[in-house]
Protein backbone atom coordinates (compact mmCIF):
# COMPACT_ATOMS: atom_id res chain seq x y z
CA MET A 1 0.00 0.00 0.00
CA ILE A 2 1.18 3.52 -0.79
CA TYR A 3 -0.33 6.83 0.17
CA GLU A 4 -0.43 10.14 -1.63
CA GLU A 5 -0.51 13.37 0.31
CA ARG A 6 -1.83 16.33 -1.65
CA VAL A 7 -1.72 19.92 -0.41
CA TYR A 8 -3.78 22.42 -2.36
CA LYS A 9 -3.14 26.13 -1.97
CA ILE A 10 -6.58 27.55 -2.60
CA MET A 11 -7.12 30.89 -4.32
CA PRO A 12 -8.33 33.56 -1.87
CA GLY A 13 -12.08 33.42 -1.38
CA ARG A 14 -12.47 30.09 -3.22
CA MET A 15 -12.36 27.55 -0.35
CA ALA A 16 -16.13 27.06 -0.38
CA ASP A 17 -16.02 26.41 -4.13
CA ILE A 18 -13.30 23.74 -3.94
CA LYS A 19 -15.03 22.03 -1.02
CA LYS A 20 -18.30 21.99 -2.95
CA ARG A 21 -16.58 20.44 -5.98
CA PHE A 22 -15.04 17.71 -3.83
CA ALA A 23 -18.33 17.00 -2.04
CA GLU A 24 -20.57 17.01 -5.12
CA VAL A 25 -18.32 15.50 -7.83
CA THR A 26 -14.74 14.58 -6.98
CA MET A 27 -15.42 12.15 -4.13
CA ARG A 28 -17.80 10.11 -6.30
CA LEU A 29 -15.33 10.08 -9.19
CA PHE A 30 -12.48 9.06 -6.89
CA GLU A 31 -14.55 6.05 -5.83
CA ARG A 32 -15.42 5.24 -9.44
CA HIS A 33 -11.74 5.18 -10.41
CA GLY A 34 -10.40 3.30 -7.40
CA ILE A 35 -8.85 6.22 -5.52
CA ARG A 36 -9.38 5.41 -1.83
CA VAL A 37 -9.76 8.50 0.32
CA ILE A 38 -8.16 8.30 3.78
CA GLY A 39 -9.16 11.80 4.85
CA PHE A 40 -9.31 15.54 4.25
CA TRP A 41 -8.04 18.30 6.55
CA GLN A 42 -8.22 22.06 6.72
CA PRO A 43 -6.01 24.17 9.02
CA VAL A 44 -7.58 25.53 12.18
CA PHE A 45 -4.69 27.95 12.65
CA GLY A 46 -1.22 28.36 11.21
CA PRO A 47 0.67 30.27 8.56
CA SER A 48 -1.85 29.63 5.76
CA MET A 49 -5.59 29.23 6.15
CA ASN A 50 -6.03 28.81 2.38
CA GLU A 51 -4.86 25.20 2.21
CA LEU A 52 -6.69 21.91 1.86
CA TYR A 53 -4.89 18.67 2.71
CA TYR A 54 -5.91 15.16 1.79
CA ILE A 55 -4.48 11.66 1.67
CA VAL A 56 -5.50 8.89 -0.70
CA ALA A 57 -4.36 5.27 -0.92
CA TYR A 58 -3.38 2.90 -3.71
CA ASP A 59 -2.21 -0.70 -3.88
CA ASP A 60 1.02 0.39 -5.59
CA LEU A 61 2.42 3.00 -7.99
CA ALA A 62 0.92 1.26 -11.03
CA HIS A 63 -2.53 1.42 -9.40
CA ARG A 64 -2.00 5.13 -8.72
CA GLU A 65 -1.05 5.81 -12.32
CA ARG A 66 -4.04 3.92 -13.75
CA ALA A 67 -6.51 5.46 -11.32
CA TRP A 68 -5.27 9.02 -11.71
CA ASP A 69 -5.10 8.78 -15.52
CA ALA A 70 -8.70 7.51 -15.60
CA PHE A 71 -9.86 10.24 -13.21
CA VAL A 72 -8.31 13.20 -15.05
CA SER A 73 -9.61 11.98 -18.42
CA ASP A 74 -13.15 11.29 -17.17
CA PRO A 75 -15.55 13.54 -19.17
CA GLU A 76 -17.60 14.23 -16.04
CA TRP A 77 -14.48 15.50 -14.23
CA ILE A 78 -13.41 17.63 -17.19
CA GLN A 79 -16.84 19.25 -17.33
CA ALA A 80 -17.12 19.75 -13.54
CA LYS A 81 -13.65 21.29 -13.36
CA ALA A 82 -14.41 23.69 -16.22
CA GLU A 83 -17.75 24.72 -14.71
CA SER A 84 -16.29 25.26 -11.24
CA GLU A 85 -13.50 27.43 -12.67
CA LYS A 86 -15.61 29.61 -14.97
CA ASN A 87 -14.97 32.55 -12.59
CA GLY A 88 -11.27 31.76 -12.18
CA LEU A 89 -8.96 29.09 -10.85
CA LEU A 90 -9.74 27.41 -7.53
CA VAL A 91 -6.25 26.04 -6.86
CA ALA A 92 -3.10 28.17 -7.04
CA ASP A 93 -0.62 25.34 -6.41
CA VAL A 94 -0.51 21.62 -5.59
CA ALA A 95 2.22 19.83 -3.63
CA ILE A 96 2.25 16.03 -3.93
CA ARG A 97 4.15 13.46 -1.88
CA ILE A 98 4.05 9.68 -2.32
CA LEU A 99 4.43 8.00 1.07
CA LYS A 100 5.20 4.42 2.09
CA PRO A 101 4.38 3.33 5.65
CA THR A 102 7.28 2.45 7.91
CA GLU A 103 7.42 -1.10 9.29
CA PHE A 104 6.10 0.14 12.67
CA SER A 105 3.26 2.27 11.32
CA PRO A 106 -0.22 1.22 12.50
CA LEU A 107 -1.51 2.27 9.07
CA GLN A 108 -0.14 -0.10 6.44
């Protein structure tokens, strides 16, 4: 099992829009394409309140590649992304890390 941590820097004033897109479209499409969501987080306090964090899981890197390729080419995703960004981008930057659990991690 591998995990992917994604940190989205959200455009000012667009947090509600990105959360709506995840809730109404993205979560369902993740499930459709085999992207297992571990969780989502939003800062309570800290240097940047315009960030959204989430972690997803895959069997291995090949699974990640297949799932992500299918997700980003899904016509429903392409349409939802375009519609949600008709008034401008929602995400300014994305940082991605691929993580492998240590041998003593409770989460494998």
